[in-house]
Amino acid sequence: MKFLNLHTHHYTNQSDILELVNQYPHEFNDLVPNYSIGIHPWYIVEDRIEADFEFLESKLTDEKCLAIGECGLDKRIALSMDLQQNIFEKHLALAEKYQKPVIIHCVAAFQELIAITKNRKVSVPMIVHGFSKNELVAKELLANGFYLSFGKWLILNPELEVVFQSVPNERFFLETDTITEEIQEVYALAAKYKNIEINSLEEIILKNYNTVFNK
């Protein structure tokens, strides 16, 4: 592995990239070699929850399943926060049971996210993907044990440079999520922002991957 794409919805099958492809229980592709699986807040369907969780749990012993998620909280959708929290906590319980890292979708609910994970005393690594907020939010998440993954907004929002620079090297990942840019482009920009060579960045992320995923 030369590059790690921590979170993507597009499997490109490039030999030098380990892609952690996002999968949903209701749209599962068994041909994907490395994946995370979870119920995204946008796709919670109440009469399918039990079946989705049964399928999700059946995949957590698969060696190709590296993480749970994406799952989390989103205040900008109509679904009640009580239901979202209930679903998210079920993911966290499974993450503890199977000792899997959690890839988290969080929109406008960071205080709730921190409170829930503190209350449940979550011990597995937790990664907030697609981070796009300010340095204050980043520092609070880091202080509470979260990792941050950068990608889409690192490319689209130049103001995120300062935030990214402030994140310790042992606490970040890179991703493409849904964007068409390749992970190599994200690495190039991240290396520029950190003022390091790409091969040094590769070593940093490989070390973080080995730590979080017990490799």
N, C-alpha and C. Protein backbone atom coordinates (compact mmCIF):
# COMPACT_ATOMS: atom_id res chain seq x y z
N MET A 1 0.83 -1.20 0.00
CA MET A 1 0.00 0.00 0.00
C MET A 1 0.86 1.25 0.00
N LYS A 2 0.63 2.12 -0.98
CA LYS A 2 1.32 3.40 -1.03
C LYS A 2 0.40 4.51 -0.50
N PHE A 3 -0.88 4.42 -0.88
CA PHE A 3 -1.86 5.41 -0.45
C PHE A 3 -3.00 4.71 0.28
N LEU A 4 -3.54 5.37 1.29
CA LEU A 4 -4.75 4.91 1.98
C LEU A 4 -5.85 5.91 1.72
N ASN A 5 -6.96 5.42 1.21
CA ASN A 5 -8.16 6.25 1.06
C ASN A 5 -9.11 5.81 2.17
N LEU A 6 -9.15 6.59 3.24
CA LEU A 6 -9.86 6.17 4.46
C LEU A 6 -11.36 6.02 4.26
N HIS A 7 -11.93 6.78 3.30
CA HIS A 7 -13.38 6.72 3.12
C HIS A 7 -13.71 7.12 1.68
N THR A 8 -14.28 6.19 0.94
CA THR A 8 -14.67 6.50 -0.43
C THR A 8 -15.92 5.73 -0.80
N HIS A 9 -16.67 6.30 -1.73
CA HIS A 9 -17.85 5.63 -2.28
C HIS A 9 -17.55 5.06 -3.66
N HIS A 10 -16.29 5.16 -4.08
CA HIS A 10 -15.91 4.70 -5.42
C HIS A 10 -14.71 3.76 -5.33
N TYR A 11 -14.91 2.52 -5.69
CA TYR A 11 -13.82 1.54 -5.71
C TYR A 11 -13.12 1.61 -7.06
N THR A 12 -11.81 1.92 -7.07
CA THR A 12 -11.08 2.11 -8.33
C THR A 12 -10.12 0.98 -8.66
N ASN A 13 -9.88 0.06 -7.70
CA ASN A 13 -9.06 -1.12 -7.96
C ASN A 13 -7.65 -0.78 -8.46
N GLN A 14 -7.00 0.17 -7.78
CA GLN A 14 -5.61 0.50 -8.11
C GLN A 14 -4.69 -0.22 -7.12
N SER A 15 -3.67 -0.86 -7.64
CA SER A 15 -2.85 -1.77 -6.84
C SER A 15 -2.09 -1.06 -5.70
N ASP A 16 -1.81 0.22 -5.85
CA ASP A 16 -1.03 0.92 -4.82
C ASP A 16 -1.89 1.68 -3.81
N ILE A 17 -3.23 1.48 -3.89
CA ILE A 17 -4.14 2.18 -2.98
C ILE A 17 -4.98 1.17 -2.19
N LEU A 18 -4.98 1.34 -0.88
CA LEU A 18 -5.94 0.61 -0.06
C LEU A 18 -7.15 1.53 0.12
N GLU A 19 -8.25 1.12 -0.46
CA GLU A 19 -9.47 1.92 -0.41
C GLU A 19 -10.44 1.31 0.59
N LEU A 20 -10.84 2.09 1.57
CA LEU A 20 -11.86 1.65 2.51
C LEU A 20 -13.19 2.14 1.95
N VAL A 21 -13.87 1.24 1.25
CA VAL A 21 -15.08 1.60 0.51
C VAL A 21 -16.28 1.57 1.45
N ASN A 22 -17.06 2.65 1.41
CA ASN A 22 -18.26 2.73 2.23
C ASN A 22 -19.34 1.81 1.68
N GLN A 23 -19.91 0.97 2.56
CA GLN A 23 -20.98 0.07 2.15
C GLN A 23 -22.18 0.24 3.07
N TYR A 24 -23.36 0.02 2.50
CA TYR A 24 -24.60 0.04 3.26
C TYR A 24 -25.22 -1.36 3.25
N PRO A 25 -25.90 -1.73 4.33
CA PRO A 25 -26.54 -3.06 4.35
C PRO A 25 -27.50 -3.28 3.17
N HIS A 26 -28.22 -2.23 2.76
CA HIS A 26 -29.21 -2.40 1.70
C HIS A 26 -28.61 -2.29 0.31
N GLU A 27 -27.32 -1.96 0.22
CA GLU A 27 -26.64 -1.86 -1.08
C GLU A 27 -25.24 -2.43 -0.92
N PHE A 28 -25.15 -3.73 -0.78
CA PHE A 28 -23.86 -4.34 -0.46
C PHE A 28 -23.26 -5.02 -1.67
N ASN A 29 -21.94 -4.78 -1.88
CA ASN A 29 -21.21 -5.41 -2.99
C ASN A 29 -20.11 -6.29 -2.40
N ASP A 30 -20.28 -7.58 -2.51
CA ASP A 30 -19.33 -8.53 -1.91
C ASP A 30 -17.99 -8.58 -2.64
N LEU A 31 -17.90 -7.93 -3.80
CA LEU A 31 -16.65 -7.95 -4.57
C LEU A 31 -15.63 -6.92 -4.07
N VAL A 32 -16.07 -5.99 -3.23
CA VAL A 32 -15.16 -4.96 -2.70
C VAL A 32 -14.18 -5.59 -1.72
N PRO A 33 -12.86 -5.40 -1.91
CA PRO A 33 -11.87 -6.10 -1.08
C PRO A 33 -11.69 -5.56 0.33
N ASN A 34 -11.96 -4.26 0.56
CA ASN A 34 -11.84 -3.67 1.90
C ASN A 34 -12.96 -2.65 2.06
N TYR A 35 -13.69 -2.78 3.16
CA TYR A 35 -14.84 -1.89 3.29
C TYR A 35 -15.15 -1.59 4.75
N SER A 36 -15.97 -0.55 4.91
CA SER A 36 -16.66 -0.28 6.17
C SER A 36 -18.14 -0.46 5.88
N ILE A 37 -18.91 -0.77 6.92
CA ILE A 37 -20.35 -0.93 6.72
C ILE A 37 -21.11 -0.29 7.86
N GLY A 38 -22.16 0.44 7.51
CA GLY A 38 -22.95 1.11 8.52
C GLY A 38 -24.24 1.66 7.94
N ILE A 39 -25.07 2.21 8.82
CA ILE A 39 -26.33 2.82 8.42
C ILE A 39 -26.18 4.33 8.54
N HIS A 40 -26.06 4.99 7.42
CA HIS A 40 -25.92 6.45 7.36
C HIS A 40 -27.22 7.08 7.85
N PRO A 41 -27.14 8.18 8.60
CA PRO A 41 -28.38 8.84 9.06
C PRO A 41 -29.36 9.15 7.94
N TRP A 42 -28.84 9.46 6.75
CA TRP A 42 -29.72 9.78 5.62
C TRP A 42 -30.55 8.58 5.17
N TYR A 43 -30.04 7.38 5.45
CA TYR A 43 -30.67 6.18 4.91
C TYR A 43 -31.28 5.28 5.99
N ILE A 44 -31.62 5.89 7.13
CA ILE A 44 -32.33 5.15 8.16
C ILE A 44 -33.79 5.00 7.72
N VAL A 45 -34.21 3.77 7.56
CA VAL A 45 -35.61 3.46 7.22
C VAL A 45 -36.17 2.64 8.37
N GLU A 46 -37.14 3.20 9.06
CA GLU A 46 -37.57 2.61 10.33
C GLU A 46 -38.01 1.15 10.22
N ASP A 47 -38.73 0.80 9.16
CA ASP A 47 -39.20 -0.59 9.06
C ASP A 47 -38.14 -1.54 8.52
N ARG A 48 -36.91 -1.01 8.31
CA ARG A 48 -35.82 -1.85 7.83
C ARG A 48 -34.68 -1.93 8.83
N ILE A 49 -34.80 -1.23 9.95
CA ILE A 49 -33.68 -1.11 10.90
C ILE A 49 -33.22 -2.47 11.38
N GLU A 50 -34.15 -3.31 11.82
CA GLU A 50 -33.77 -4.61 12.37
C GLU A 50 -33.03 -5.46 11.33
N ALA A 51 -33.56 -5.50 10.12
CA ALA A 51 -32.93 -6.28 9.05
C ALA A 51 -31.57 -5.71 8.69
N ASP A 52 -31.46 -4.38 8.65
CA ASP A 52 -30.17 -3.74 8.33
C ASP A 52 -29.11 -4.09 9.38
N PHE A 53 -29.49 -4.04 10.65
CA PHE A 53 -28.53 -4.36 11.71
C PHE A 53 -28.15 -5.84 11.71
N GLU A 54 -29.09 -6.71 11.38
CA GLU A 54 -28.78 -8.14 11.28
C GLU A 54 -27.73 -8.37 10.19
N PHE A 55 -27.94 -7.73 9.04
CA PHE A 55 -27.00 -7.88 7.92
C PHE A 55 -25.65 -7.27 8.30
N LEU A 56 -25.69 -6.07 8.88
CA LEU A 56 -24.46 -5.38 9.27
C LEU A 56 -23.63 -6.27 10.21
N GLU A 57 -24.26 -6.79 11.23
CA GLU A 57 -23.52 -7.60 12.20
C GLU A 57 -22.96 -8.87 11.56
N SER A 58 -23.67 -9.40 10.58
CA SER A 58 -23.19 -10.62 9.92
C SER A 58 -21.89 -10.39 9.17
N LYS A 59 -21.59 -9.13 8.85
CA LYS A 59 -20.38 -8.81 8.08
C LYS A 59 -19.19 -8.43 8.97
N LEU A 60 -19.42 -8.26 10.27
CA LEU A 60 -18.36 -7.73 11.12
C LEU A 60 -17.26 -8.73 11.44
N THR A 61 -17.48 -9.99 11.13
CA THR A 61 -16.43 -11.00 11.28
C THR A 61 -15.72 -11.27 9.96
N ASP A 62 -16.14 -10.63 8.90
CA ASP A 62 -15.51 -10.76 7.59
C ASP A 62 -14.17 -10.02 7.63
N GLU A 63 -13.10 -10.69 7.24
CA GLU A 63 -11.77 -10.04 7.29
C GLU A 63 -11.67 -8.84 6.36
N LYS A 64 -12.57 -8.74 5.39
CA LYS A 64 -12.59 -7.59 4.48
C LYS A 64 -13.23 -6.36 5.12
N CYS A 65 -13.97 -6.58 6.20
CA CYS A 65 -14.64 -5.47 6.90
C CYS A 65 -13.67 -4.88 7.92
N LEU A 66 -13.18 -3.68 7.64
CA LEU A 66 -12.17 -3.06 8.49
C LEU A 66 -12.74 -2.10 9.52
N ALA A 67 -13.96 -1.62 9.30
CA ALA A 67 -14.52 -0.62 10.21
C ALA A 67 -16.04 -0.62 10.14
N ILE A 68 -16.66 -0.01 11.14
CA ILE A 68 -18.10 0.24 11.15
C ILE A 68 -18.32 1.68 10.71
N GLY A 69 -19.31 1.90 9.86
CA GLY A 69 -19.65 3.24 9.41
C GLY A 69 -19.76 3.31 7.89
N GLU A 70 -20.13 4.42 7.31
CA GLU A 70 -20.25 5.58 8.14
C GLU A 70 -21.61 5.60 8.84
N CYS A 71 -21.59 6.12 10.03
CA CYS A 71 -22.80 6.26 10.83
C CYS A 71 -22.64 7.54 11.64
N GLY A 72 -23.72 8.00 12.26
CA GLY A 72 -23.54 9.21 13.06
C GLY A 72 -24.79 10.03 13.24
N LEU A 73 -24.60 11.35 13.25
CA LEU A 73 -25.65 12.30 13.59
C LEU A 73 -25.66 13.45 12.59
N ASP A 74 -26.87 13.88 12.21
CA ASP A 74 -27.00 14.95 11.23
C ASP A 74 -28.22 15.81 11.59
N LYS A 75 -27.96 17.02 12.08
CA LYS A 75 -29.06 17.90 12.50
C LYS A 75 -29.74 18.59 11.32
N ARG A 76 -29.22 18.42 10.14
CA ARG A 76 -29.80 19.12 8.99
C ARG A 76 -30.75 18.24 8.18
N ILE A 77 -31.12 17.10 8.74
CA ILE A 77 -32.13 16.27 8.09
C ILE A 77 -33.36 16.21 9.01
N ALA A 78 -34.48 15.76 8.44
CA ALA A 78 -35.75 15.80 9.16
C ALA A 78 -35.87 14.71 10.23
N LEU A 79 -35.11 13.65 10.10
CA LEU A 79 -35.23 12.53 11.03
C LEU A 79 -34.92 12.96 12.47
N SER A 80 -35.71 12.48 13.41
CA SER A 80 -35.55 12.92 14.80
C SER A 80 -34.17 12.56 15.35
N MET A 81 -33.64 13.45 16.19
CA MET A 81 -32.33 13.20 16.79
C MET A 81 -32.38 12.02 17.75
N ASP A 82 -33.52 11.80 18.37
CA ASP A 82 -33.65 10.65 19.27
C ASP A 82 -33.42 9.35 18.52
N LEU A 83 -34.06 9.23 17.36
CA LEU A 83 -33.88 8.01 16.56
C LEU A 83 -32.45 7.91 16.04
N GLN A 84 -31.90 9.03 15.55
CA GLN A 84 -30.52 9.02 15.08
C GLN A 84 -29.57 8.59 16.18
N GLN A 85 -29.77 9.12 17.39
CA GLN A 85 -28.90 8.77 18.50
C GLN A 85 -29.02 7.29 18.84
N ASN A 86 -30.22 6.77 18.83
CA ASN A 86 -30.44 5.36 19.12
C ASN A 86 -29.71 4.46 18.13
N ILE A 87 -29.81 4.81 16.85
CA ILE A 87 -29.13 4.03 15.80
C ILE A 87 -27.62 4.14 15.94
N PHE A 88 -27.14 5.35 16.21
CA PHE A 88 -25.70 5.56 16.37
C PHE A 88 -25.16 4.76 17.55
N GLU A 89 -25.90 4.76 18.66
CA GLU A 89 -25.44 4.02 19.84
C GLU A 89 -25.41 2.51 19.58
N LYS A 90 -26.30 2.03 18.74
CA LYS A 90 -26.25 0.61 18.38
C LYS A 90 -24.98 0.30 17.58
N HIS A 91 -24.58 1.22 16.72
CA HIS A 91 -23.31 1.05 16.00
C HIS A 91 -22.14 1.01 16.99
N LEU A 92 -22.15 1.91 17.95
CA LEU A 92 -21.06 1.97 18.92
C LEU A 92 -20.98 0.68 19.74
N ALA A 93 -22.13 0.14 20.10
CA ALA A 93 -22.15 -1.12 20.86
C ALA A 93 -21.54 -2.26 20.04
N LEU A 94 -21.86 -2.29 18.76
CA LEU A 94 -21.28 -3.32 17.89
C LEU A 94 -19.78 -3.10 17.70
N ALA A 95 -19.38 -1.84 17.60
CA ALA A 95 -17.96 -1.54 17.46
C ALA A 95 -17.18 -2.05 18.66
N GLU A 96 -17.73 -1.87 19.85
CA GLU A 96 -17.08 -2.38 21.06
C GLU A 96 -17.07 -3.91 21.06
N LYS A 97 -18.19 -4.51 20.70
CA LYS A 97 -18.30 -5.97 20.71
C LYS A 97 -17.30 -6.62 19.77
N TYR A 98 -17.15 -6.04 18.57
CA TYR A 98 -16.28 -6.64 17.55
C TYR A 98 -14.93 -5.93 17.44
N GLN A 99 -14.71 -4.92 18.27
CA GLN A 99 -13.45 -4.17 18.29
C GLN A 99 -13.08 -3.63 16.91
N LYS A 100 -14.02 -2.87 16.35
CA LYS A 100 -13.81 -2.23 15.05
C LYS A 100 -13.77 -0.71 15.22
N PRO A 101 -12.89 -0.02 14.49
CA PRO A 101 -12.95 1.44 14.47
C PRO A 101 -14.28 1.91 13.89
N VAL A 102 -14.65 3.15 14.20
CA VAL A 102 -15.92 3.71 13.72
C VAL A 102 -15.65 4.93 12.85
N ILE A 103 -16.24 4.94 11.66
CA ILE A 103 -16.13 6.10 10.77
C ILE A 103 -17.43 6.89 10.90
N ILE A 104 -17.29 8.16 11.27
CA ILE A 104 -18.45 8.94 11.72
C ILE A 104 -18.79 10.08 10.77
N HIS A 105 -20.08 10.16 10.46
CA HIS A 105 -20.68 11.29 9.75
C HIS A 105 -21.29 12.20 10.82
N CYS A 106 -20.87 13.45 10.87
CA CYS A 106 -21.42 14.36 11.87
C CYS A 106 -21.65 15.73 11.25
N VAL A 107 -22.90 16.19 11.30
CA VAL A 107 -23.25 17.51 10.79
C VAL A 107 -23.99 18.29 11.87
N ALA A 108 -23.36 19.37 12.32
CA ALA A 108 -23.96 20.30 13.29
C ALA A 108 -24.36 19.62 14.59
N ALA A 109 -23.64 18.54 14.96
CA ALA A 109 -24.01 17.81 16.18
C ALA A 109 -22.76 17.34 16.93
N PHE A 110 -21.72 18.15 16.92
CA PHE A 110 -20.46 17.71 17.53
C PHE A 110 -20.54 17.62 19.05
N GLN A 111 -21.28 18.51 19.68
CA GLN A 111 -21.42 18.42 21.14
C GLN A 111 -22.15 17.14 21.54
N GLU A 112 -23.19 16.81 20.77
CA GLU A 112 -23.92 15.57 21.02
C GLU A 112 -23.04 14.36 20.79
N LEU A 113 -22.24 14.41 19.72
CA LEU A 113 -21.33 13.32 19.40
C LEU A 113 -20.35 13.08 20.56
N ILE A 114 -19.75 14.13 21.05
CA ILE A 114 -18.79 14.01 22.16
C ILE A 114 -19.48 13.47 23.41
N ALA A 115 -20.67 14.01 23.71
CA ALA A 115 -21.40 13.58 24.91
C ALA A 115 -21.75 12.10 24.86
N ILE A 116 -22.23 11.64 23.69
CA ILE A 116 -22.62 10.22 23.55
C ILE A 116 -21.42 9.31 23.73
N THR A 117 -20.34 9.62 23.07
CA THR A 117 -19.17 8.73 23.13
C THR A 117 -18.52 8.77 24.52
N LYS A 118 -18.58 9.92 25.18
CA LYS A 118 -18.09 10.00 26.57
C LYS A 118 -18.96 9.14 27.49
N ASN A 119 -20.27 9.29 27.34
CA ASN A 119 -21.21 8.58 28.20
C ASN A 119 -21.08 7.06 28.04
N ARG A 120 -20.82 6.64 26.81
CA ARG A 120 -20.69 5.20 26.54
C ARG A 120 -19.27 4.68 26.78
N LYS A 121 -18.37 5.60 27.11
CA LYS A 121 -16.97 5.23 27.35
C LYS A 121 -16.41 4.39 26.19
N VAL A 122 -16.56 4.91 24.99
CA VAL A 122 -16.11 4.19 23.79
C VAL A 122 -14.60 4.03 23.82
N SER A 123 -14.13 2.81 23.60
CA SER A 123 -12.69 2.54 23.67
C SER A 123 -12.06 2.32 22.30
N VAL A 124 -12.88 2.03 21.28
CA VAL A 124 -12.32 1.80 19.95
C VAL A 124 -12.02 3.14 19.27
N PRO A 125 -11.12 3.17 18.28
CA PRO A 125 -10.83 4.42 17.58
C PRO A 125 -12.06 4.96 16.86
N MET A 126 -12.23 6.26 16.92
CA MET A 126 -13.35 6.94 16.25
C MET A 126 -12.79 8.00 15.31
N ILE A 127 -13.26 7.97 14.07
CA ILE A 127 -12.74 8.88 13.05
C ILE A 127 -13.88 9.71 12.48
N VAL A 128 -13.80 11.02 12.63
CA VAL A 128 -14.79 11.91 12.01
C VAL A 128 -14.33 12.15 10.58
N HIS A 129 -15.11 11.63 9.64
CA HIS A 129 -14.69 11.74 8.24
C HIS A 129 -15.20 13.06 7.64
N GLY A 130 -14.55 13.47 6.55
CA GLY A 130 -14.95 14.68 5.84
C GLY A 130 -14.92 15.93 6.70
N PHE A 131 -13.88 16.06 7.52
CA PHE A 131 -13.85 17.19 8.46
C PHE A 131 -13.75 18.51 7.70
N SER A 132 -14.58 19.47 8.14
CA SER A 132 -14.63 20.76 7.43
C SER A 132 -14.79 21.95 8.36
N LYS A 133 -14.66 21.73 9.67
CA LYS A 133 -14.96 22.79 10.63
C LYS A 133 -13.70 23.57 11.03
N ASN A 134 -13.89 24.45 12.02
CA ASN A 134 -12.79 25.33 12.40
C ASN A 134 -11.84 24.67 13.40
N GLU A 135 -10.80 25.41 13.74
CA GLU A 135 -9.75 24.87 14.61
C GLU A 135 -10.27 24.56 16.01
N LEU A 136 -11.24 25.34 16.47
CA LEU A 136 -11.81 25.12 17.80
C LEU A 136 -12.51 23.76 17.88
N VAL A 137 -13.32 23.47 16.87
CA VAL A 137 -14.00 22.16 16.84
C VAL A 137 -12.98 21.04 16.70
N ALA A 138 -11.99 21.24 15.86
CA ALA A 138 -10.95 20.23 15.68
C ALA A 138 -10.25 19.93 17.01
N LYS A 139 -9.89 20.98 17.73
CA LYS A 139 -9.18 20.80 19.01
C LYS A 139 -10.04 20.06 20.02
N GLU A 140 -11.34 20.38 20.04
CA GLU A 140 -12.23 19.71 21.00
C GLU A 140 -12.38 18.23 20.67
N LEU A 141 -12.51 17.92 19.39
CA LEU A 141 -12.60 16.51 18.99
C LEU A 141 -11.30 15.77 19.30
N LEU A 142 -10.19 16.38 18.99
CA LEU A 142 -8.89 15.75 19.27
C LEU A 142 -8.71 15.52 20.77
N ALA A 143 -9.13 16.49 21.57
CA ALA A 143 -9.01 16.37 23.02
C ALA A 143 -9.86 15.24 23.58
N ASN A 144 -10.89 14.87 22.82
CA ASN A 144 -11.77 13.79 23.24
C ASN A 144 -11.48 12.48 22.51
N GLY A 145 -10.30 12.40 21.92
CA GLY A 145 -9.81 11.13 21.40
C GLY A 145 -10.14 10.80 19.96
N PHE A 146 -10.80 11.71 19.26
CA PHE A 146 -11.18 11.43 17.87
C PHE A 146 -9.99 11.62 16.92
N TYR A 147 -10.04 10.88 15.82
CA TYR A 147 -9.18 11.14 14.67
C TYR A 147 -10.01 11.96 13.68
N LEU A 148 -9.32 12.71 12.80
CA LEU A 148 -10.00 13.51 11.78
C LEU A 148 -9.54 13.09 10.41
N SER A 149 -10.49 12.94 9.50
CA SER A 149 -10.15 12.59 8.12
C SER A 149 -10.54 13.73 7.20
N PHE A 150 -9.60 14.11 6.34
CA PHE A 150 -9.77 15.27 5.45
C PHE A 150 -9.78 14.82 3.99
N GLY A 151 -10.54 15.54 3.17
CA GLY A 151 -10.55 15.21 1.74
C GLY A 151 -11.25 16.26 0.92
N LYS A 152 -12.54 16.08 0.74
CA LYS A 152 -13.34 16.97 -0.10
C LYS A 152 -13.15 18.44 0.26
N TRP A 153 -13.29 18.76 1.54
CA TRP A 153 -13.25 20.17 1.94
C TRP A 153 -11.82 20.71 2.00
N LEU A 154 -10.86 19.83 2.12
CA LEU A 154 -9.46 20.27 2.04
C LEU A 154 -9.19 20.85 0.65
N ILE A 155 -9.79 20.21 -0.35
CA ILE A 155 -9.64 20.67 -1.73
C ILE A 155 -10.50 21.90 -2.01
N LEU A 156 -11.74 21.91 -1.50
CA LEU A 156 -12.69 22.95 -1.87
C LEU A 156 -12.58 24.23 -1.04
N ASN A 157 -12.04 24.11 0.18
CA ASN A 157 -12.00 25.27 1.07
C ASN A 157 -10.58 25.58 1.52
N PRO A 158 -9.93 26.57 0.89
CA PRO A 158 -8.54 26.92 1.24
C PRO A 158 -8.38 27.31 2.71
N GLU A 159 -9.45 27.79 3.35
CA GLU A 159 -9.35 28.19 4.75
C GLU A 159 -9.10 27.00 5.68
N LEU A 160 -9.31 25.80 5.17
CA LEU A 160 -9.09 24.61 5.99
C LEU A 160 -7.60 24.29 6.14
N GLU A 161 -6.76 24.97 5.37
CA GLU A 161 -5.31 24.73 5.46
C GLU A 161 -4.80 24.90 6.88
N VAL A 162 -5.17 25.99 7.54
CA VAL A 162 -4.68 26.28 8.89
C VAL A 162 -5.18 25.23 9.88
N VAL A 163 -6.42 24.81 9.72
CA VAL A 163 -6.99 23.77 10.59
C VAL A 163 -6.21 22.47 10.42
N PHE A 164 -5.99 22.09 9.17
CA PHE A 164 -5.27 20.85 8.88
C PHE A 164 -3.85 20.90 9.44
N GLN A 165 -3.20 22.03 9.30
CA GLN A 165 -1.84 22.18 9.81
C GLN A 165 -1.78 22.01 11.32
N SER A 166 -2.87 22.34 12.00
CA SER A 166 -2.89 22.28 13.47
C SER A 166 -3.11 20.87 14.01
N VAL A 167 -3.53 19.96 13.15
CA VAL A 167 -3.83 18.59 13.60
C VAL A 167 -2.53 17.80 13.72
N PRO A 168 -2.26 17.18 14.86
CA PRO A 168 -1.03 16.39 15.01
C PRO A 168 -0.94 15.29 13.97
N ASN A 169 0.28 14.98 13.55
CA ASN A 169 0.48 13.99 12.49
C ASN A 169 -0.09 12.63 12.83
N GLU A 170 -0.14 12.29 14.12
CA GLU A 170 -0.62 10.96 14.50
C GLU A 170 -2.15 10.89 14.61
N ARG A 171 -2.86 11.95 14.20
CA ARG A 171 -4.31 11.96 14.42
C ARG A 171 -5.14 12.26 13.17
N PHE A 172 -4.57 12.12 11.99
CA PHE A 172 -5.37 12.42 10.79
C PHE A 172 -5.26 11.33 9.73
N PHE A 173 -6.28 11.32 8.86
CA PHE A 173 -6.30 10.47 7.67
C PHE A 173 -6.75 11.32 6.49
N LEU A 174 -6.64 10.74 5.29
CA LEU A 174 -7.08 11.40 4.07
C LEU A 174 -8.07 10.51 3.33
N GLU A 175 -8.95 11.14 2.56
CA GLU A 175 -10.03 10.41 1.91
C GLU A 175 -10.48 11.16 0.65
N THR A 176 -11.34 10.50 -0.13
CA THR A 176 -11.97 11.19 -1.26
C THR A 176 -13.48 11.29 -1.12
N ASP A 177 -14.09 10.42 -0.29
CA ASP A 177 -15.53 10.43 -0.09
C ASP A 177 -16.24 10.31 -1.45
N THR A 178 -17.00 11.33 -1.86
CA THR A 178 -17.76 11.23 -3.12
C THR A 178 -17.15 12.05 -4.26
N ILE A 179 -16.04 12.74 -4.01
CA ILE A 179 -15.47 13.61 -5.05
C ILE A 179 -14.81 12.79 -6.16
N THR A 180 -14.64 13.40 -7.32
CA THR A 180 -14.04 12.70 -8.46
C THR A 180 -12.52 12.77 -8.44
N GLU A 181 -11.96 13.71 -7.67
CA GLU A 181 -10.50 13.79 -7.57
C GLU A 181 -9.95 12.50 -6.96
N GLU A 182 -8.74 12.13 -7.38
CA GLU A 182 -8.13 10.91 -6.87
C GLU A 182 -7.41 11.18 -5.55
N ILE A 183 -7.20 10.12 -4.79
CA ILE A 183 -6.57 10.26 -3.48
C ILE A 183 -5.16 10.83 -3.60
N GLN A 184 -4.48 10.57 -4.73
CA GLN A 184 -3.15 11.13 -4.93
C GLN A 184 -3.17 12.66 -4.90
N GLU A 185 -4.25 13.26 -5.41
CA GLU A 185 -4.39 14.72 -5.39
C GLU A 185 -4.56 15.23 -3.96
N VAL A 186 -5.30 14.49 -3.16
CA VAL A 186 -5.50 14.88 -1.76
C VAL A 186 -4.17 14.79 -1.02
N TYR A 187 -3.41 13.72 -1.27
CA TYR A 187 -2.10 13.57 -0.65
C TYR A 187 -1.18 14.72 -1.04
N ALA A 188 -1.19 15.11 -2.31
CA ALA A 188 -0.30 16.18 -2.79
C ALA A 188 -0.60 17.49 -2.08
N LEU A 189 -1.90 17.80 -1.94
CA LEU A 189 -2.27 19.04 -1.26
C LEU A 189 -1.94 18.96 0.24
N ALA A 190 -2.20 17.81 0.84
CA ALA A 190 -1.91 17.64 2.27
C ALA A 190 -0.42 17.78 2.55
N ALA A 191 0.41 17.20 1.68
CA ALA A 191 1.87 17.30 1.85
C ALA A 191 2.33 18.76 1.73
N LYS A 192 1.72 19.48 0.80
CA LYS A 192 2.04 20.90 0.64
C LYS A 192 1.67 21.67 1.91
N TYR A 193 0.48 21.42 2.44
CA TYR A 193 0.04 22.13 3.64
C TYR A 193 0.90 21.80 4.86
N LYS A 194 1.35 20.55 4.94
CA LYS A 194 2.19 20.13 6.07
C LYS A 194 3.67 20.44 5.84
N ASN A 195 3.97 20.90 4.62
CA ASN A 195 5.35 21.24 4.25
C ASN A 195 6.29 20.04 4.40
N ILE A 196 5.83 18.89 3.88
CA ILE A 196 6.64 17.67 3.90
C ILE A 196 6.58 17.00 2.53
N GLU A 197 7.49 16.07 2.32
CA GLU A 197 7.47 15.30 1.07
C GLU A 197 6.34 14.27 1.11
N ILE A 198 5.88 13.90 -0.08
CA ILE A 198 4.77 12.92 -0.17
C ILE A 198 5.15 11.61 0.51
N ASN A 199 6.40 11.15 0.33
CA ASN A 199 6.77 9.86 0.94
C ASN A 199 6.74 9.94 2.47
N SER A 200 7.04 11.11 3.03
CA SER A 200 6.93 11.29 4.48
C SER A 200 5.46 11.22 4.92
N LEU A 201 4.59 11.82 4.11
CA LEU A 201 3.16 11.78 4.39
C LEU A 201 2.65 10.34 4.31
N GLU A 202 3.11 9.61 3.32
CA GLU A 202 2.72 8.20 3.18
C GLU A 202 3.10 7.41 4.44
N GLU A 203 4.27 7.67 4.97
CA GLU A 203 4.73 6.96 6.18
C GLU A 203 3.87 7.33 7.39
N ILE A 204 3.51 8.60 7.50
CA ILE A 204 2.67 9.06 8.61
C ILE A 204 1.33 8.36 8.58
N ILE A 205 0.71 8.33 7.41
CA ILE A 205 -0.63 7.74 7.31
C ILE A 205 -0.58 6.23 7.45
N LEU A 206 0.47 5.60 6.96
CA LEU A 206 0.62 4.15 7.15
C LEU A 206 0.74 3.83 8.64
N LYS A 207 1.50 4.63 9.35
CA LYS A 207 1.64 4.41 10.79
C LYS A 207 0.29 4.59 11.50
N ASN A 208 -0.46 5.61 11.12
CA ASN A 208 -1.79 5.82 11.71
C ASN A 208 -2.73 4.67 11.39
N TYR A 209 -2.65 4.19 10.17
CA TYR A 209 -3.47 3.05 9.77
C TYR A 209 -3.12 1.81 10.60
N ASN A 210 -1.86 1.56 10.76
CA ASN A 210 -1.43 0.38 11.55
C ASN A 210 -1.91 0.49 13.01
N THR A 211 -1.86 1.72 13.54
CA THR A 211 -2.31 1.94 14.92
C THR A 211 -3.81 1.74 15.07
N VAL A 212 -4.58 2.36 14.21
CA VAL A 212 -6.04 2.34 14.34
C VAL A 212 -6.64 0.99 13.96
N PHE A 213 -6.05 0.36 12.95
CA PHE A 213 -6.63 -0.88 12.44
C PHE A 213 -5.87 -2.13 12.90
N ASN A 214 -4.97 -1.94 13.86
CA ASN A 214 -4.23 -3.06 14.44
C ASN A 214 -3.53 -3.93 13.39
N LYS A 215 -2.85 -3.26 12.48
CA LYS A 215 -2.16 -3.99 11.40
C LYS A 215 -0.68 -4.17 11.72
